[in-house]
Amino acid sequence: MPDGNYSLFDKIDGRIARKKLEKVLEMLRTESPQELRRRLGNIDRDEILARMDEYNPARLKQMGINMDELKGTITERDLQKLIQVLGPDGAVIAQRIRQMLK
């Protein structure tokens, strides 16, 4: 496949990833910690961290995702609520998000 097709697929993946991120942030900001715990069920921290590794800065750039824009979207309050909902797993995930946003 030509490079242009990869770029198109990357852009589509980027749009999907952005929509998922927007949904997660909306849930974090509007739902109670109890409701979030219920919705998330038994979250697998290792799977989430592995998925986060797939989205390194170079991959995000290919997908058309602007890290500076994300920095302005994800707040410390969002990360604290994530920690509240997920406990120790949330702390590890929040730390990884902080590192990605630097």
PDB file of N, CA and C in Angstrom:
ATOM      1  N   MET A   1       0.840  -1.183   0.000  1.00  0.00           N
ATOM      2  CA  MET A   1       0.000   0.000   0.000  1.00  0.00           C
ATOM      3  C   MET A   1       0.881   1.241   0.000  1.00  0.00           C
ATOM      4  N   PRO A   2       0.485   2.257  -0.709  1.00  0.00           N
ATOM      5  CA  PRO A   2       1.266   3.488  -0.701  1.00  0.00           C
ATOM      6  C   PRO A   2       1.191   4.179   0.660  1.00  0.00           C
ATOM      7  N   ASP A   3       2.187   5.019   0.912  1.00  0.00           N
ATOM      8  CA  ASP A   3       2.216   5.738   2.185  1.00  0.00           C
ATOM      9  C   ASP A   3       0.966   6.562   2.406  1.00  0.00           C
ATOM     10  N   GLY A   4       0.378   7.097   1.352  1.00  0.00           N
ATOM     11  CA  GLY A   4      -0.822   7.913   1.478  1.00  0.00           C
ATOM     12  C   GLY A   4      -1.970   7.156   2.111  1.00  0.00           C
ATOM     13  N   ASN A   5      -2.100   5.868   1.814  1.00  0.00           N
ATOM     14  CA  ASN A   5      -3.168   5.076   2.413  1.00  0.00           C
ATOM     15  C   ASN A   5      -2.940   4.878   3.903  1.00  0.00           C
ATOM     16  N   TYR A   6      -1.693   4.678   4.289  1.00  0.00           N
ATOM     17  CA  TYR A   6      -1.407   4.551   5.704  1.00  0.00           C
ATOM     18  C   TYR A   6      -1.788   5.836   6.424  1.00  0.00           C
ATOM     19  N   SER A   7      -1.474   6.958   5.791  1.00  0.00           N
ATOM     20  CA  SER A   7      -1.796   8.244   6.387  1.00  0.00           C
ATOM     21  C   SER A   7      -3.309   8.392   6.552  1.00  0.00           C
ATOM     22  N   LEU A   8      -4.075   7.969   5.557  1.00  0.00           N
ATOM     23  CA  LEU A   8      -5.528   8.045   5.649  1.00  0.00           C
ATOM     24  C   LEU A   8      -6.029   7.183   6.797  1.00  0.00           C
ATOM     25  N   PHE A   9      -5.506   5.964   6.917  1.00  0.00           N
ATOM     26  CA  PHE A   9      -5.913   5.086   8.013  1.00  0.00           C
ATOM     27  C   PHE A   9      -5.493   5.663   9.362  1.00  0.00           C
ATOM     28  N   ASP A  10      -4.314   6.263   9.403  1.00  0.00           N
ATOM     29  CA  ASP A  10      -3.859   6.901  10.641  1.00  0.00           C
ATOM     30  C   ASP A  10      -4.799   8.030  11.037  1.00  0.00           C
ATOM     31  N   LYS A  11      -5.214   8.815  10.071  1.00  0.00           N
ATOM     32  CA  LYS A  11      -6.124   9.933  10.359  1.00  0.00           C
ATOM     33  C   LYS A  11      -7.464   9.418  10.861  1.00  0.00           C
ATOM     34  N   ILE A  12      -7.957   8.355  10.266  1.00  0.00           N
ATOM     35  CA  ILE A  12      -9.228   7.761  10.718  1.00  0.00           C
ATOM     36  C   ILE A  12      -9.060   7.240  12.140  1.00  0.00           C
ATOM     37  N   ASP A  13      -7.959   6.530  12.401  1.00  0.00           N
ATOM     38  CA  ASP A  13      -7.674   6.050  13.764  1.00  0.00           C
ATOM     39  C   ASP A  13      -7.602   7.215  14.739  1.00  0.00           C
ATOM     40  N   GLY A  14      -7.014   8.324  14.296  1.00  0.00           N
ATOM     41  CA  GLY A  14      -6.904   9.508  15.141  1.00  0.00           C
ATOM     42  C   GLY A  14      -8.265  10.087  15.489  1.00  0.00           C
ATOM     43  N   ARG A  15      -9.155  10.124  14.517  1.00  0.00           N
ATOM     44  CA  ARG A  15     -10.506  10.644  14.784  1.00  0.00           C
ATOM     45  C   ARG A  15     -11.239   9.744  15.773  1.00  0.00           C
ATOM     46  N   ILE A  16     -11.099   8.450  15.608  1.00  0.00           N
ATOM     47  CA  ILE A  16     -11.738   7.497  16.526  1.00  0.00           C
ATOM     48  C   ILE A  16     -11.160   7.659  17.927  1.00  0.00           C
ATOM     49  N   ALA A  17      -9.838   7.753  18.018  1.00  0.00           N
ATOM     50  CA  ALA A  17      -9.180   7.912  19.321  1.00  0.00           C
ATOM     51  C   ALA A  17      -9.625   9.202  19.993  1.00  0.00           C
ATOM     52  N   ARG A  18      -9.741  10.294  19.223  1.00  0.00           N
ATOM     53  CA  ARG A  18     -10.190  11.570  19.790  1.00  0.00           C
ATOM     54  C   ARG A  18     -11.610  11.467  20.328  1.00  0.00           C
ATOM     55  N   LYS A  19     -12.487  10.794  19.593  1.00  0.00           N
ATOM     56  CA  LYS A  19     -13.879  10.626  20.041  1.00  0.00           C
ATOM     57  C   LYS A  19     -13.922   9.814  21.335  1.00  0.00           C
ATOM     58  N   LYS A  20     -13.125   8.762  21.414  1.00  0.00           N
ATOM     59  CA  LYS A  20     -13.076   7.951  22.633  1.00  0.00           C
ATOM     60  C   LYS A  20     -12.563   8.777  23.801  1.00  0.00           C
ATOM     61  N   LEU A  21     -11.527   9.563  23.571  1.00  0.00           N
ATOM     62  CA  LEU A  21     -10.979  10.412  24.620  1.00  0.00           C
ATOM     63  C   LEU A  21     -12.015  11.427  25.085  1.00  0.00           C
ATOM     64  N   GLU A  22     -12.714  12.040  24.144  1.00  0.00           N
ATOM     65  CA  GLU A  22     -13.758  13.000  24.512  1.00  0.00           C
ATOM     66  C   GLU A  22     -14.830  12.340  25.365  1.00  0.00           C
ATOM     67  N   LYS A  23     -15.212  11.122  25.022  1.00  0.00           N
ATOM     68  CA  LYS A  23     -16.231  10.399  25.784  1.00  0.00           C
ATOM     69  C   LYS A  23     -15.736  10.086  27.192  1.00  0.00           C
ATOM     70  N   VAL A  24     -14.495   9.649  27.313  1.00  0.00           N
ATOM     71  CA  VAL A  24     -13.922   9.339  28.619  1.00  0.00           C
ATOM     72  C   VAL A  24     -13.874  10.594  29.485  1.00  0.00           C
ATOM     73  N   LEU A  25     -13.429  11.705  28.913  1.00  0.00           N
ATOM     74  CA  LEU A  25     -13.358  12.948  29.680  1.00  0.00           C
ATOM     75  C   LEU A  25     -14.751  13.411  30.099  1.00  0.00           C
ATOM     76  N   GLU A  26     -15.720  13.262  29.221  1.00  0.00           N
ATOM     77  CA  GLU A  26     -17.096  13.624  29.561  1.00  0.00           C
ATOM     78  C   GLU A  26     -17.592  12.776  30.737  1.00  0.00           C
ATOM     79  N   MET A  27     -17.329  11.473  30.687  1.00  0.00           N
ATOM     80  CA  MET A  27     -17.730  10.586  31.778  1.00  0.00           C
ATOM     81  C   MET A  27     -17.037  10.977  33.081  1.00  0.00           C
ATOM     82  N   LEU A  28     -15.735  11.253  33.016  1.00  0.00           N
ATOM     83  CA  LEU A  28     -14.987  11.635  34.217  1.00  0.00           C
ATOM     84  C   LEU A  28     -15.565  12.897  34.849  1.00  0.00           C
ATOM     85  N   ARG A  29     -15.988  13.811  34.010  1.00  0.00           N
ATOM     86  CA  ARG A  29     -16.448  15.103  34.506  1.00  0.00           C
ATOM     87  C   ARG A  29     -17.902  15.114  34.946  1.00  0.00           C
ATOM     88  N   THR A  30     -18.709  14.191  34.459  1.00  0.00           N
ATOM     89  CA  THR A  30     -20.145  14.269  34.751  1.00  0.00           C
ATOM     90  C   THR A  30     -20.680  13.153  35.635  1.00  0.00           C
ATOM     91  N   GLU A  31     -19.985  12.031  35.707  1.00  0.00           N
ATOM     92  CA  GLU A  31     -20.507  10.897  36.460  1.00  0.00           C
ATOM     93  C   GLU A  31     -19.838  10.773  37.827  1.00  0.00           C
ATOM     94  N   SER A  32     -20.563  10.211  38.755  1.00  0.00           N
ATOM     95  CA  SER A  32     -20.035  10.011  40.101  1.00  0.00           C
ATOM     96  C   SER A  32     -18.973   8.914  40.082  1.00  0.00           C
ATOM     97  N   PRO A  33     -18.069   8.949  41.054  1.00  0.00           N
ATOM     98  CA  PRO A  33     -17.067   7.879  41.135  1.00  0.00           C
ATOM     99  C   PRO A  33     -17.703   6.492  41.220  1.00  0.00           C
ATOM    100  N   GLN A  34     -18.807   6.375  41.949  1.00  0.00           N
ATOM    101  CA  GLN A  34     -19.480   5.086  42.084  1.00  0.00           C
ATOM    102  C   GLN A  34     -19.986   4.586  40.722  1.00  0.00           C
ATOM    103  N   GLU A  35     -20.579   5.488  39.942  1.00  0.00           N
ATOM    104  CA  GLU A  35     -21.085   5.108  38.619  1.00  0.00           C
ATOM    105  C   GLU A  35     -19.936   4.728  37.698  1.00  0.00           C
ATOM    106  N   LEU A  36     -18.852   5.455  37.774  1.00  0.00           N
ATOM    107  CA  LEU A  36     -17.693   5.132  36.948  1.00  0.00           C
ATOM    108  C   LEU A  36     -17.124   3.765  37.305  1.00  0.00           C
ATOM    109  N   ARG A  37     -17.037   3.473  38.607  1.00  0.00           N
ATOM    110  CA  ARG A  37     -16.541   2.156  39.036  1.00  0.00           C
ATOM    111  C   ARG A  37     -17.437   1.051  38.484  1.00  0.00           C
ATOM    112  N   ARG A  38     -18.744   1.271  38.540  1.00  0.00           N
ATOM    113  CA  ARG A  38     -19.688   0.281  38.039  1.00  0.00           C
ATOM    114  C   ARG A  38     -19.498   0.073  36.532  1.00  0.00           C
ATOM    115  N   ARG A  39     -19.347   1.160  35.802  1.00  0.00           N
ATOM    116  CA  ARG A  39     -19.192   1.072  34.341  1.00  0.00           C
ATOM    117  C   ARG A  39     -17.881   0.409  33.927  1.00  0.00           C
ATOM    118  N   LEU A  40     -16.840   0.700  34.671  1.00  0.00           N
ATOM    119  CA  LEU A  40     -15.521   0.186  34.299  1.00  0.00           C
ATOM    120  C   LEU A  40     -15.316  -1.268  34.688  1.00  0.00           C
ATOM    121  N   GLY A  41     -16.062  -1.716  35.696  1.00  0.00           N
ATOM    122  CA  GLY A  41     -15.942  -3.116  36.096  1.00  0.00           C
ATOM    123  C   GLY A  41     -14.514  -3.465  36.477  1.00  0.00           C
ATOM    124  N   ASN A  42     -14.075  -4.605  36.051  1.00  0.00           N
ATOM    125  CA  ASN A  42     -12.715  -5.071  36.348  1.00  0.00           C
ATOM    126  C   ASN A  42     -11.779  -4.640  35.237  1.00  0.00           C
ATOM    127  N   ILE A  43     -11.255  -3.462  35.399  1.00  0.00           N
ATOM    128  CA  ILE A  43     -10.361  -2.907  34.392  1.00  0.00           C
ATOM    129  C   ILE A  43      -8.986  -3.573  34.524  1.00  0.00           C
ATOM    130  N   ASP A  44      -8.369  -3.876  33.423  1.00  0.00           N
ATOM    131  CA  ASP A  44      -7.051  -4.509  33.420  1.00  0.00           C
ATOM    132  C   ASP A  44      -5.991  -3.441  33.176  1.00  0.00           C
ATOM    133  N   ARG A  45      -5.302  -3.066  34.251  1.00  0.00           N
ATOM    134  CA  ARG A  45      -4.303  -2.009  34.170  1.00  0.00           C
ATOM    135  C   ARG A  45      -3.229  -2.323  33.136  1.00  0.00           C
ATOM    136  N   ASP A  46      -2.771  -3.552  33.091  1.00  0.00           N
ATOM    137  CA  ASP A  46      -1.702  -3.916  32.155  1.00  0.00           C
ATOM    138  C   ASP A  46      -2.143  -3.740  30.708  1.00  0.00           C
ATOM    139  N   GLU A  47      -3.390  -4.073  30.421  1.00  0.00           N
ATOM    140  CA  GLU A  47      -3.907  -3.895  29.058  1.00  0.00           C
ATOM    141  C   GLU A  47      -3.968  -2.412  28.693  1.00  0.00           C
ATOM    142  N   ILE A  48      -4.420  -1.604  29.635  1.00  0.00           N
ATOM    143  CA  ILE A  48      -4.493  -0.157  29.381  1.00  0.00           C
ATOM    144  C   ILE A  48      -3.096   0.409  29.151  1.00  0.00           C
ATOM    145  N   LEU A  49      -2.147   0.020  29.975  1.00  0.00           N
ATOM    146  CA  LEU A  49      -0.782   0.521  29.828  1.00  0.00           C
ATOM    147  C   LEU A  49      -0.171   0.066  28.501  1.00  0.00           C
ATOM    148  N   ALA A  50      -0.453  -1.156  28.095  1.00  0.00           N
ATOM    149  CA  ALA A  50       0.044  -1.650  26.806  1.00  0.00           C
ATOM    150  C   ALA A  50      -0.549  -0.827  25.664  1.00  0.00           C
ATOM    151  N   ARG A  51      -1.842  -0.525  25.754  1.00  0.00           N
ATOM    152  CA  ARG A  51      -2.492   0.294  24.731  1.00  0.00           C
ATOM    153  C   ARG A  51      -1.903   1.686  24.704  1.00  0.00           C
ATOM    154  N   MET A  52      -1.608   2.231  25.886  1.00  0.00           N
ATOM    155  CA  MET A  52      -1.016   3.563  25.954  1.00  0.00           C
ATOM    156  C   MET A  52       0.359   3.574  25.303  1.00  0.00           C
ATOM    157  N   ASP A  53       1.101   2.480  25.433  1.00  0.00           N
ATOM    158  CA  ASP A  53       2.415   2.390  24.797  1.00  0.00           C
ATOM    159  C   ASP A  53       2.310   2.469  23.278  1.00  0.00           C
ATOM    160  N   GLU A  54       1.198   1.978  22.729  1.00  0.00           N
ATOM    161  CA  GLU A  54       0.986   2.041  21.286  1.00  0.00           C
ATOM    162  C   GLU A  54       0.863   3.485  20.807  1.00  0.00           C
ATOM    163  N   TYR A  55       0.419   4.363  21.700  1.00  0.00           N
ATOM    164  CA  TYR A  55       0.182   5.750  21.331  1.00  0.00           C
ATOM    165  C   TYR A  55       1.334   6.640  21.787  1.00  0.00           C
ATOM    166  N   ASN A  56       2.521   6.351  21.256  1.00  0.00           N
ATOM    167  CA  ASN A  56       3.676   7.182  21.543  1.00  0.00           C
ATOM    168  C   ASN A  56       3.551   8.492  20.750  1.00  0.00           C
ATOM    169  N   PRO A  57       4.369   9.491  21.070  1.00  0.00           N
ATOM    170  CA  PRO A  57       4.238  10.790  20.391  1.00  0.00           C
ATOM    171  C   PRO A  57       4.302  10.710  18.866  1.00  0.00           C
ATOM    172  N   ALA A  58       5.164   9.865  18.325  1.00  0.00           N
ATOM    173  CA  ALA A  58       5.265   9.752  16.866  1.00  0.00           C
ATOM    174  C   ALA A  58       3.966   9.197  16.273  1.00  0.00           C
ATOM    175  N   ARG A  59       3.411   8.200  16.912  1.00  0.00           N
ATOM    176  CA  ARG A  59       2.151   7.595  16.438  1.00  0.00           C
ATOM    177  C   ARG A  59       1.009   8.602  16.532  1.00  0.00           C
ATOM    178  N   LEU A  60       0.946   9.333  17.631  1.00  0.00           N
ATOM    179  CA  LEU A  60      -0.108  10.339  17.790  1.00  0.00           C
ATOM    180  C   LEU A  60       0.000  11.413  16.715  1.00  0.00           C
ATOM    181  N   LYS A  61       1.229  11.804  16.391  1.00  0.00           N
ATOM    182  CA  LYS A  61       1.429  12.815  15.344  1.00  0.00           C
ATOM    183  C   LYS A  61       0.949  12.277  13.992  1.00  0.00           C
ATOM    184  N   GLN A  62       1.268  11.004  13.700  1.00  0.00           N
ATOM    185  CA  GLN A  62       0.790  10.380  12.461  1.00  0.00           C
ATOM    186  C   GLN A  62      -0.724  10.391  12.396  1.00  0.00           C
ATOM    187  N   MET A  63      -1.352  10.228  13.545  1.00  0.00           N
ATOM    188  CA  MET A  63      -2.809  10.161  13.615  1.00  0.00           C
ATOM    189  C   MET A  63      -3.450  11.548  13.572  1.00  0.00           C
ATOM    190  N   GLY A  64      -2.613  12.582  13.590  1.00  0.00           N
ATOM    191  CA  GLY A  64      -3.135  13.937  13.540  1.00  0.00           C
ATOM    192  C   GLY A  64      -3.613  14.452  14.885  1.00  0.00           C
ATOM    193  N   ILE A  65      -3.112  13.851  15.957  1.00  0.00           N
ATOM    194  CA  ILE A  65      -3.497  14.273  17.305  1.00  0.00           C
ATOM    195  C   ILE A  65      -2.431  15.218  17.841  1.00  0.00           C
ATOM    196  N   ASN A  66      -2.863  16.404  18.216  1.00  0.00           N
ATOM    197  CA  ASN A  66      -1.977  17.446  18.703  1.00  0.00           C
ATOM    198  C   ASN A  66      -1.818  17.328  20.213  1.00  0.00           C
ATOM    199  N   MET A  67      -0.618  17.016  20.670  1.00  0.00           N
ATOM    200  CA  MET A  67      -0.372  16.836  22.102  1.00  0.00           C
ATOM    201  C   MET A  67      -0.589  18.135  22.870  1.00  0.00           C
ATOM    202  N   ASP A  68      -0.272  19.281  22.267  1.00  0.00           N
ATOM    203  CA  ASP A  68      -0.512  20.555  22.950  1.00  0.00           C
ATOM    204  C   ASP A  68      -2.000  20.753  23.206  1.00  0.00           C
ATOM    205  N   GLU A  69      -2.822  20.327  22.253  1.00  0.00           N
ATOM    206  CA  GLU A  69      -4.271  20.414  22.423  1.00  0.00           C
ATOM    207  C   GLU A  69      -4.729  19.514  23.574  1.00  0.00           C
ATOM    208  N   LEU A  70      -4.165  18.309  23.653  1.00  0.00           N
ATOM    209  CA  LEU A  70      -4.515  17.397  24.741  1.00  0.00           C
ATOM    210  C   LEU A  70      -4.110  17.965  26.094  1.00  0.00           C
ATOM    211  N   LYS A  71      -2.959  18.630  26.132  1.00  0.00           N
ATOM    212  CA  LYS A  71      -2.489  19.222  27.387  1.00  0.00           C
ATOM    213  C   LYS A  71      -3.515  20.210  27.933  1.00  0.00           C
ATOM    214  N   GLY A  72      -4.181  20.916  27.039  1.00  0.00           N
ATOM    215  CA  GLY A  72      -5.188  21.882  27.456  1.00  0.00           C
ATOM    216  C   GLY A  72      -6.533  21.244  27.755  1.00  0.00           C
ATOM    217  N   THR A  73      -6.706  19.995  27.395  1.00  0.00           N
ATOM    218  CA  THR A  73      -7.985  19.305  27.563  1.00  0.00           C
ATOM    219  C   THR A  73      -8.034  18.476  28.835  1.00  0.00           C
ATOM    220  N   ILE A  74      -6.941  17.790  29.143  1.00  0.00           N
ATOM    221  CA  ILE A  74      -6.890  16.897  30.301  1.00  0.00           C
ATOM    222  C   ILE A  74      -6.347  17.676  31.491  1.00  0.00           C
ATOM    223  N   THR A  75      -7.159  17.788  32.520  1.00  0.00           N
ATOM    224  CA  THR A  75      -6.773  18.576  33.689  1.00  0.00           C
ATOM    225  C   THR A  75      -6.294  17.669  34.824  1.00  0.00           C
ATOM    226  N   GLU A  76      -5.633  18.280  35.779  1.00  0.00           N
ATOM    227  CA  GLU A  76      -5.197  17.542  36.964  1.00  0.00           C
ATOM    228  C   GLU A  76      -6.420  17.015  37.719  1.00  0.00           C
ATOM    229  N   ARG A  77      -7.485  17.769  37.700  1.00  0.00           N
ATOM    230  CA  ARG A  77      -8.731  17.322  38.352  1.00  0.00           C
ATOM    231  C   ARG A  77      -9.238  16.021  37.710  1.00  0.00           C
ATOM    232  N   ASP A  78      -9.141  15.933  36.376  1.00  0.00           N
ATOM    233  CA  ASP A  78      -9.542  14.706  35.675  1.00  0.00           C
ATOM    234  C   ASP A  78      -8.695  13.527  36.149  1.00  0.00           C
ATOM    235  N   LEU A  79      -7.404  13.758  36.262  1.00  0.00           N
ATOM    236  CA  LEU A  79      -6.495  12.688  36.670  1.00  0.00           C
ATOM    237  C   LEU A  79      -6.746  12.276  38.118  1.00  0.00           C
ATOM    238  N   GLN A  80      -7.061  13.239  38.976  1.00  0.00           N
ATOM    239  CA  GLN A  80      -7.356  12.916  40.374  1.00  0.00           C
ATOM    240  C   GLN A  80      -8.637  12.082  40.486  1.00  0.00           C
ATOM    241  N   LYS A  81      -9.619  12.378  39.660  1.00  0.00           N
ATOM    242  CA  LYS A  81     -10.853  11.591  39.685  1.00  0.00           C
ATOM    243  C   LYS A  81     -10.580  10.182  39.174  1.00  0.00           C
ATOM    244  N   LEU A  82      -9.733  10.059  38.172  1.00  0.00           N
ATOM    245  CA  LEU A  82      -9.337   8.750  37.665  1.00  0.00           C
ATOM    246  C   LEU A  82      -8.693   7.927  38.779  1.00  0.00           C
ATOM    247  N   ILE A  83      -7.834   8.550  39.548  1.00  0.00           N
ATOM    248  CA  ILE A  83      -7.178   7.877  40.677  1.00  0.00           C
ATOM    249  C   ILE A  83      -8.220   7.483  41.721  1.00  0.00           C
ATOM    250  N   GLN A  84      -9.161   8.371  41.985  1.00  0.00           N
ATOM    251  CA  GLN A  84     -10.218   8.084  42.955  1.00  0.00           C
ATOM    252  C   GLN A  84     -11.040   6.869  42.522  1.00  0.00           C
ATOM    253  N   VAL A  85     -11.313   6.783  41.238  1.00  0.00           N
ATOM    254  CA  VAL A  85     -12.149   5.696  40.725  1.00  0.00           C
ATOM    255  C   VAL A  85     -11.378   4.382  40.654  1.00  0.00           C
ATOM    256  N   LEU A  86     -10.134   4.428  40.201  1.00  0.00           N
ATOM    257  CA  LEU A  86      -9.380   3.200  39.946  1.00  0.00           C
ATOM    258  C   LEU A  86      -8.396   2.837  41.052  1.00  0.00           C
ATOM    259  N   GLY A  87      -8.211   3.699  42.020  1.00  0.00           N
ATOM    260  CA  GLY A  87      -7.294   3.388  43.110  1.00  0.00           C
ATOM    261  C   GLY A  87      -5.860   3.317  42.629  1.00  0.00           C
ATOM    262  N   PRO A  88      -5.089   2.349  43.150  1.00  0.00           N
ATOM    263  CA  PRO A  88      -3.671   2.241  42.785  1.00  0.00           C
ATOM    264  C   PRO A  88      -3.464   2.092  41.271  1.00  0.00           C
ATOM    265  N   ASP A  89      -4.351   1.386  40.611  1.00  0.00           N
ATOM    266  CA  ASP A  89      -4.237   1.261  39.152  1.00  0.00           C
ATOM    267  C   ASP A  89      -4.393   2.622  38.494  1.00  0.00           C
ATOM    268  N   GLY A  90      -5.311   3.416  39.009  1.00  0.00           N
ATOM    269  CA  GLY A  90      -5.534   4.752  38.475  1.00  0.00           C
ATOM    270  C   GLY A  90      -4.328   5.645  38.649  1.00  0.00           C
ATOM    271  N   ALA A  91      -3.625   5.488  39.769  1.00  0.00           N
ATOM    272  CA  ALA A  91      -2.428   6.293  40.017  1.00  0.00           C
ATOM    273  C   ALA A  91      -1.349   5.984  38.987  1.00  0.00           C
ATOM    274  N   VAL A  92      -1.180   4.720  38.665  1.00  0.00           N
ATOM    275  CA  VAL A  92      -0.181   4.317  37.663  1.00  0.00           C
ATOM    276  C   VAL A  92      -0.575   4.859  36.289  1.00  0.00           C
ATOM    277  N   ILE A  93      -1.840   4.732  35.940  1.00  0.00           N
ATOM    278  CA  ILE A  93      -2.325   5.206  34.637  1.00  0.00           C
ATOM    279  C   ILE A  93      -2.233   6.729  34.560  1.00  0.00           C
ATOM    280  N   ALA A  94      -2.614   7.429  35.629  1.00  0.00           N
ATOM    281  CA  ALA A  94      -2.535   8.888  35.653  1.00  0.00           C
ATOM    282  C   ALA A  94      -1.087   9.352  35.495  1.00  0.00           C
ATOM    283  N   GLN A  95      -0.160   8.658  36.140  1.00  0.00           N
ATOM    284  CA  GLN A  95       1.254   9.025  36.010  1.00  0.00           C
ATOM    285  C   GLN A  95       1.719   8.857  34.570  1.00  0.00           C
ATOM    286  N   ARG A  96       1.294   7.790  33.936  1.00  0.00           N
ATOM    287  CA  ARG A  96       1.670   7.576  32.529  1.00  0.00           C
ATOM    288  C   ARG A  96       1.082   8.671  31.644  1.00  0.00           C
ATOM    289  N   ILE A  97      -0.141   9.084  31.921  1.00  0.00           N
ATOM    290  CA  ILE A  97      -0.764  10.169  31.147  1.00  0.00           C
ATOM    291  C   ILE A  97       0.029  11.460  31.345  1.00  0.00           C
ATOM    292  N   ARG A  98       0.399  11.747  32.583  1.00  0.00           N
ATOM    293  CA  ARG A  98       1.199  12.944  32.850  1.00  0.00           C
ATOM    294  C   ARG A  98       2.492  12.917  32.044  1.00  0.00           C
ATOM    295  N   GLN A  99       3.163  11.765  32.001  1.00  0.00           N
ATOM    296  CA  GLN A  99       4.412  11.642  31.256  1.00  0.00           C
ATOM    297  C   GLN A  99       4.181  11.886  29.769  1.00  0.00           C
ATOM    298  N   MET A 100       3.059  11.365  29.246  1.00  0.00           N
ATOM    299  CA  MET A 100       2.765  11.551  27.827  1.00  0.00           C
ATOM    300  C   MET A 100       2.513  13.026  27.506  1.00  0.00           C
ATOM    301  N   LEU A 101       1.951  13.756  28.441  1.00  0.00           N
ATOM    302  CA  LEU A 101       1.579  15.144  28.196  1.00  0.00           C
ATOM    303  C   LEU A 101       2.736  16.123  28.377  1.00  0.00           C
ATOM    304  N   LYS A 102       3.871  15.647  28.890  1.00  0.00           N
ATOM    305  CA  LYS A 102       5.035  16.535  29.085  1.00  0.00           C
ATOM    306  C   LYS A 102       5.642  16.910  27.761  1.00  0.00           C
TER     307      LYS A 102
END
